[in-house]
Amino acid sequence: MKRDMNLIRAVLIATESLPDDGPSHDISVEGFSEAEVSNHVHLCSEAGFIDAENLSSLGGACWIPSRLTYEGHEFLEGIRSDTVWERAKGLALKSTGTLTIEGLKLALPLVLKSLIGG
């Protein structure tokens, strides 16, 4: 399954909105299958952005989020704005020809600086 950075962002936004009651919760993202969302929850967990529970079985993979980590909150705050998100993606793609978390992390300060007027 191919990684989708827009789905990574959507998973972080959905995870942030979960109740802070301890257990993990299912999330859904419009336009994506349960398997795609589960895979991207797993990717976000591996990236250190969320804590997630692995409920996978022989029937298939199943990852559900419980909370954003500090790193997840920081990254989400940087990419929350649609304007910043689109500009950061564009800058990362233009500069490197690819879209990675690390590329976005490098592009974000440049985008924010240009929006602030620096």
N, C-alpha and C. Protein backbone atom coordinates (compact mmCIF):
# COMPACT_ATOMS: atom_id res chain seq x y z
N MET A 1 0.85 -1.18 0.00
CA MET A 1 0.00 0.00 0.00
C MET A 1 0.90 1.24 0.00
N LYS A 2 0.55 2.18 -0.82
CA LYS A 2 1.34 3.39 -0.96
C LYS A 2 1.01 4.40 0.14
N ARG A 3 2.04 5.06 0.63
CA ARG A 3 1.84 6.09 1.66
C ARG A 3 1.22 7.33 1.01
N ASP A 4 0.26 7.92 1.70
CA ASP A 4 -0.44 9.11 1.24
C ASP A 4 -0.28 10.18 2.32
N MET A 5 0.47 11.23 2.01
CA MET A 5 0.74 12.26 3.01
C MET A 5 -0.53 13.00 3.42
N ASN A 6 -1.50 13.13 2.52
CA ASN A 6 -2.77 13.76 2.89
C ASN A 6 -3.51 12.91 3.92
N LEU A 7 -3.40 11.58 3.78
CA LEU A 7 -4.03 10.69 4.76
C LEU A 7 -3.27 10.72 6.09
N ILE A 8 -1.96 10.86 6.05
CA ILE A 8 -1.18 11.03 7.29
C ILE A 8 -1.72 12.24 8.05
N ARG A 9 -1.89 13.35 7.34
CA ARG A 9 -2.41 14.58 7.97
C ARG A 9 -3.82 14.34 8.52
N ALA A 10 -4.67 13.67 7.75
CA ALA A 10 -6.04 13.41 8.19
C ALA A 10 -6.07 12.50 9.41
N VAL A 11 -5.18 11.52 9.49
CA VAL A 11 -5.10 10.64 10.65
C VAL A 11 -4.71 11.44 11.89
N LEU A 12 -3.76 12.34 11.73
CA LEU A 12 -3.35 13.17 12.87
C LEU A 12 -4.50 14.05 13.35
N ILE A 13 -5.22 14.64 12.42
CA ILE A 13 -6.35 15.50 12.78
C ILE A 13 -7.44 14.68 13.47
N ALA A 14 -7.74 13.50 12.93
CA ALA A 14 -8.77 12.65 13.53
C ALA A 14 -8.34 12.16 14.92
N THR A 15 -7.08 11.83 15.07
CA THR A 15 -6.58 11.35 16.36
C THR A 15 -6.65 12.46 17.40
N GLU A 16 -6.35 13.68 17.00
CA GLU A 16 -6.41 14.81 17.93
C GLU A 16 -7.82 14.99 18.50
N SER A 17 -8.82 14.67 17.71
CA SER A 17 -10.20 14.89 18.14
C SER A 17 -10.76 13.76 19.01
N LEU A 18 -9.98 12.71 19.24
CA LEU A 18 -10.46 11.60 20.06
C LEU A 18 -10.62 12.04 21.52
N PRO A 19 -11.55 11.42 22.23
CA PRO A 19 -11.68 11.74 23.66
C PRO A 19 -10.45 11.28 24.43
N ASP A 20 -10.13 12.00 25.46
CA ASP A 20 -8.96 11.69 26.29
C ASP A 20 -9.41 10.80 27.45
N ASP A 21 -9.89 9.62 27.09
CA ASP A 21 -10.43 8.73 28.12
C ASP A 21 -9.64 7.44 28.29
N GLY A 22 -8.46 7.38 27.69
CA GLY A 22 -7.59 6.22 27.89
C GLY A 22 -7.57 5.22 26.76
N PRO A 23 -8.72 4.62 26.40
CA PRO A 23 -8.66 3.57 25.39
C PRO A 23 -8.44 4.11 23.98
N SER A 24 -8.02 3.20 23.11
CA SER A 24 -7.89 3.53 21.70
C SER A 24 -9.28 3.57 21.07
N HIS A 25 -9.39 4.28 19.96
CA HIS A 25 -10.68 4.43 19.28
C HIS A 25 -10.50 4.26 17.77
N ASP A 26 -11.50 3.66 17.16
CA ASP A 26 -11.50 3.59 15.70
C ASP A 26 -11.67 4.99 15.13
N ILE A 27 -11.04 5.23 14.00
CA ILE A 27 -11.26 6.47 13.26
C ILE A 27 -11.58 6.10 11.82
N SER A 28 -12.22 7.01 11.14
CA SER A 28 -12.45 6.84 9.71
C SER A 28 -12.12 8.16 9.03
N VAL A 29 -11.71 8.05 7.78
CA VAL A 29 -11.39 9.24 7.00
C VAL A 29 -12.13 9.10 5.67
N GLU A 30 -12.96 10.07 5.38
CA GLU A 30 -13.76 10.03 4.16
C GLU A 30 -12.87 9.84 2.93
N GLY A 31 -13.28 8.92 2.08
CA GLY A 31 -12.55 8.67 0.84
C GLY A 31 -11.47 7.61 0.95
N PHE A 32 -11.28 7.06 2.15
CA PHE A 32 -10.25 6.04 2.35
C PHE A 32 -10.86 4.81 3.01
N SER A 33 -10.35 3.64 2.65
CA SER A 33 -10.84 2.39 3.21
C SER A 33 -10.32 2.20 4.64
N GLU A 34 -10.95 1.28 5.36
CA GLU A 34 -10.49 0.95 6.71
C GLU A 34 -9.05 0.47 6.68
N ALA A 35 -8.70 -0.33 5.67
CA ALA A 35 -7.33 -0.85 5.55
C ALA A 35 -6.33 0.28 5.31
N GLU A 36 -6.68 1.24 4.48
CA GLU A 36 -5.78 2.38 4.23
C GLU A 36 -5.58 3.20 5.49
N VAL A 37 -6.68 3.47 6.21
CA VAL A 37 -6.57 4.25 7.44
C VAL A 37 -5.74 3.48 8.46
N SER A 38 -6.00 2.19 8.63
CA SER A 38 -5.25 1.37 9.58
C SER A 38 -3.75 1.39 9.26
N ASN A 39 -3.41 1.25 7.98
CA ASN A 39 -2.01 1.27 7.57
C ASN A 39 -1.36 2.61 7.89
N HIS A 40 -2.09 3.70 7.68
CA HIS A 40 -1.53 5.02 7.96
C HIS A 40 -1.48 5.33 9.45
N VAL A 41 -2.39 4.75 10.24
CA VAL A 41 -2.27 4.84 11.70
C VAL A 41 -0.96 4.16 12.11
N HIS A 42 -0.68 3.01 11.53
CA HIS A 42 0.56 2.30 11.84
C HIS A 42 1.77 3.15 11.45
N LEU A 43 1.73 3.76 10.26
CA LEU A 43 2.83 4.61 9.82
C LEU A 43 3.03 5.80 10.77
N CYS A 44 1.94 6.41 11.19
CA CYS A 44 2.03 7.54 12.14
C CYS A 44 2.62 7.09 13.47
N SER A 45 2.29 5.88 13.87
CA SER A 45 2.85 5.32 15.10
C SER A 45 4.35 5.11 14.94
N GLU A 46 4.75 4.53 13.81
CA GLU A 46 6.18 4.31 13.56
C GLU A 46 6.95 5.62 13.49
N ALA A 47 6.31 6.67 12.99
CA ALA A 47 6.96 7.99 12.90
C ALA A 47 7.03 8.69 14.24
N GLY A 48 6.36 8.14 15.26
CA GLY A 48 6.39 8.75 16.59
C GLY A 48 5.35 9.84 16.78
N PHE A 49 4.37 9.94 15.86
CA PHE A 49 3.36 10.98 15.94
C PHE A 49 2.17 10.60 16.80
N ILE A 50 1.89 9.31 16.92
CA ILE A 50 0.75 8.86 17.70
C ILE A 50 1.11 7.60 18.48
N ASP A 51 0.36 7.37 19.54
CA ASP A 51 0.35 6.07 20.20
C ASP A 51 -0.81 5.32 19.60
N ALA A 52 -0.58 4.06 19.23
CA ALA A 52 -1.63 3.27 18.59
C ALA A 52 -1.57 1.84 19.11
N GLU A 53 -2.71 1.20 19.02
CA GLU A 53 -2.82 -0.18 19.47
C GLU A 53 -2.91 -1.10 18.25
N ASN A 54 -2.13 -2.16 18.28
CA ASN A 54 -2.14 -3.15 17.21
C ASN A 54 -3.14 -4.24 17.56
N LEU A 55 -4.26 -4.25 16.86
CA LEU A 55 -5.29 -5.27 17.05
C LEU A 55 -5.32 -6.24 15.88
N SER A 56 -4.21 -6.33 15.16
CA SER A 56 -4.12 -7.19 13.99
C SER A 56 -4.29 -8.65 14.39
N SER A 57 -4.83 -9.40 13.45
CA SER A 57 -5.02 -10.84 13.64
C SER A 57 -4.77 -11.52 12.31
N LEU A 58 -5.02 -12.81 12.27
CA LEU A 58 -4.86 -13.54 11.02
C LEU A 58 -5.81 -13.02 9.95
N GLY A 59 -6.86 -12.33 10.37
CA GLY A 59 -7.83 -11.75 9.45
C GLY A 59 -7.33 -10.49 8.78
N GLY A 60 -6.24 -9.92 9.27
CA GLY A 60 -5.68 -8.73 8.66
C GLY A 60 -5.16 -7.74 9.67
N ALA A 61 -4.53 -6.71 9.14
CA ALA A 61 -3.94 -5.66 9.97
C ALA A 61 -5.03 -4.75 10.50
N CYS A 62 -4.88 -4.34 11.75
CA CYS A 62 -5.82 -3.40 12.36
C CYS A 62 -5.07 -2.58 13.41
N TRP A 63 -4.84 -1.33 13.11
CA TRP A 63 -4.20 -0.40 14.02
C TRP A 63 -5.19 0.71 14.34
N ILE A 64 -5.35 1.02 15.64
CA ILE A 64 -6.24 2.11 16.03
C ILE A 64 -5.48 3.06 16.95
N PRO A 65 -5.70 4.36 16.78
CA PRO A 65 -4.97 5.35 17.56
C PRO A 65 -5.57 5.58 18.95
N SER A 66 -4.71 6.00 19.87
CA SER A 66 -5.21 6.38 21.19
C SER A 66 -4.94 7.86 21.49
N ARG A 67 -3.80 8.39 21.01
CA ARG A 67 -3.49 9.79 21.30
C ARG A 67 -2.34 10.27 20.44
N LEU A 68 -2.26 11.59 20.30
CA LEU A 68 -1.09 12.20 19.67
C LEU A 68 0.04 12.26 20.69
N THR A 69 1.25 12.06 20.22
CA THR A 69 2.42 12.28 21.07
C THR A 69 2.78 13.77 21.01
N TYR A 70 3.75 14.17 21.80
CA TYR A 70 4.21 15.56 21.75
C TYR A 70 4.67 15.89 20.32
N GLU A 71 5.46 14.98 19.73
CA GLU A 71 5.95 15.17 18.36
C GLU A 71 4.78 15.29 17.38
N GLY A 72 3.74 14.50 17.59
CA GLY A 72 2.56 14.56 16.74
C GLY A 72 1.84 15.88 16.85
N HIS A 73 1.71 16.39 18.08
CA HIS A 73 1.08 17.70 18.28
C HIS A 73 1.90 18.79 17.57
N GLU A 74 3.21 18.74 17.74
CA GLU A 74 4.07 19.75 17.11
C GLU A 74 3.96 19.72 15.59
N PHE A 75 4.02 18.52 15.01
CA PHE A 75 3.94 18.40 13.55
C PHE A 75 2.57 18.85 13.06
N LEU A 76 1.51 18.42 13.74
CA LEU A 76 0.16 18.80 13.32
C LEU A 76 -0.04 20.31 13.39
N GLU A 77 0.46 20.96 14.42
CA GLU A 77 0.32 22.41 14.51
C GLU A 77 0.99 23.09 13.31
N GLY A 78 2.10 22.52 12.85
CA GLY A 78 2.79 23.08 11.69
C GLY A 78 2.04 22.90 10.39
N ILE A 79 1.28 21.82 10.27
CA ILE A 79 0.62 21.52 8.99
C ILE A 79 -0.90 21.70 9.04
N ARG A 80 -1.43 22.20 10.13
CA ARG A 80 -2.89 22.31 10.29
C ARG A 80 -3.52 23.22 9.23
N SER A 81 -2.94 24.37 9.00
CA SER A 81 -3.46 25.33 8.03
C SER A 81 -3.39 24.73 6.62
N ASP A 82 -4.50 24.81 5.88
CA ASP A 82 -4.50 24.31 4.50
C ASP A 82 -3.48 25.06 3.65
N THR A 83 -3.35 26.36 3.89
CA THR A 83 -2.39 27.16 3.12
C THR A 83 -0.96 26.70 3.38
N VAL A 84 -0.61 26.55 4.64
CA VAL A 84 0.75 26.11 4.99
C VAL A 84 0.98 24.70 4.45
N TRP A 85 -0.01 23.82 4.62
CA TRP A 85 0.12 22.44 4.16
C TRP A 85 0.41 22.39 2.65
N GLU A 86 -0.37 23.09 1.87
CA GLU A 86 -0.20 23.05 0.42
C GLU A 86 1.14 23.67 0.00
N ARG A 87 1.51 24.76 0.64
CA ARG A 87 2.79 25.39 0.28
C ARG A 87 3.98 24.53 0.69
N ALA A 88 3.91 23.91 1.86
CA ALA A 88 5.00 23.03 2.31
C ALA A 88 5.13 21.82 1.40
N LYS A 89 4.01 21.23 1.02
CA LYS A 89 4.06 20.10 0.10
C LYS A 89 4.67 20.54 -1.23
N GLY A 90 4.22 21.68 -1.73
CA GLY A 90 4.74 22.18 -3.00
C GLY A 90 6.22 22.46 -2.95
N LEU A 91 6.68 23.08 -1.87
CA LEU A 91 8.10 23.38 -1.73
C LEU A 91 8.93 22.11 -1.63
N ALA A 92 8.47 21.16 -0.84
CA ALA A 92 9.21 19.89 -0.70
C ALA A 92 9.28 19.16 -2.03
N LEU A 93 8.17 19.11 -2.75
CA LEU A 93 8.16 18.43 -4.05
C LEU A 93 9.03 19.15 -5.07
N LYS A 94 8.95 20.47 -5.09
CA LYS A 94 9.74 21.25 -6.05
C LYS A 94 11.23 21.10 -5.77
N SER A 95 11.60 21.09 -4.49
CA SER A 95 13.01 21.05 -4.12
C SER A 95 13.63 19.67 -4.26
N THR A 96 12.84 18.63 -3.95
CA THR A 96 13.42 17.29 -3.89
C THR A 96 12.80 16.30 -4.88
N GLY A 97 11.63 16.63 -5.40
CA GLY A 97 10.94 15.72 -6.30
C GLY A 97 10.20 14.61 -5.58
N THR A 98 10.19 14.67 -4.26
CA THR A 98 9.51 13.66 -3.46
C THR A 98 8.88 14.32 -2.24
N LEU A 99 7.97 13.59 -1.62
CA LEU A 99 7.28 14.13 -0.45
C LEU A 99 7.50 13.20 0.73
N THR A 100 8.31 13.66 1.68
CA THR A 100 8.61 12.87 2.88
C THR A 100 8.31 13.70 4.12
N ILE A 101 8.21 13.02 5.24
CA ILE A 101 8.02 13.71 6.52
C ILE A 101 9.19 14.65 6.77
N GLU A 102 10.39 14.16 6.56
CA GLU A 102 11.58 14.99 6.81
C GLU A 102 11.62 16.19 5.88
N GLY A 103 11.23 16.00 4.62
CA GLY A 103 11.17 17.12 3.68
C GLY A 103 10.16 18.16 4.11
N LEU A 104 9.01 17.69 4.60
CA LEU A 104 7.99 18.62 5.10
C LEU A 104 8.48 19.37 6.33
N LYS A 105 9.18 18.67 7.22
CA LYS A 105 9.71 19.32 8.42
C LYS A 105 10.71 20.41 8.05
N LEU A 106 11.47 20.22 6.98
CA LEU A 106 12.42 21.24 6.54
C LEU A 106 11.71 22.39 5.81
N ALA A 107 10.65 22.06 5.08
CA ALA A 107 9.93 23.08 4.32
C ALA A 107 9.07 23.97 5.21
N LEU A 108 8.53 23.42 6.29
CA LEU A 108 7.61 24.18 7.14
C LEU A 108 8.18 25.50 7.65
N PRO A 109 9.38 25.54 8.22
CA PRO A 109 9.89 26.83 8.70
C PRO A 109 10.05 27.86 7.58
N LEU A 110 10.41 27.40 6.38
CA LEU A 110 10.57 28.33 5.26
C LEU A 110 9.21 28.90 4.84
N VAL A 111 8.21 28.04 4.80
CA VAL A 111 6.87 28.49 4.44
C VAL A 111 6.33 29.47 5.50
N LEU A 112 6.48 29.11 6.76
CA LEU A 112 6.00 29.98 7.84
C LEU A 112 6.70 31.33 7.81
N LYS A 113 8.00 31.31 7.57
CA LYS A 113 8.75 32.56 7.51
C LYS A 113 8.25 33.44 6.36
N SER A 114 7.99 32.84 5.21
CA SER A 114 7.50 33.62 4.08
C SER A 114 6.10 34.18 4.33
N LEU A 115 5.26 33.41 5.04
CA LEU A 115 3.92 33.90 5.35
C LEU A 115 3.92 35.02 6.39
N ILE A 116 4.89 34.95 7.30
CA ILE A 116 4.98 35.97 8.34
C ILE A 116 5.58 37.26 7.77
N GLY A 117 6.32 37.12 6.68
CA GLY A 117 6.86 38.32 6.03
C GLY A 117 8.35 38.43 6.10
N GLY A 118 9.01 37.33 6.47
CA GLY A 118 10.46 37.37 6.61
C GLY A 118 11.13 36.95 5.36
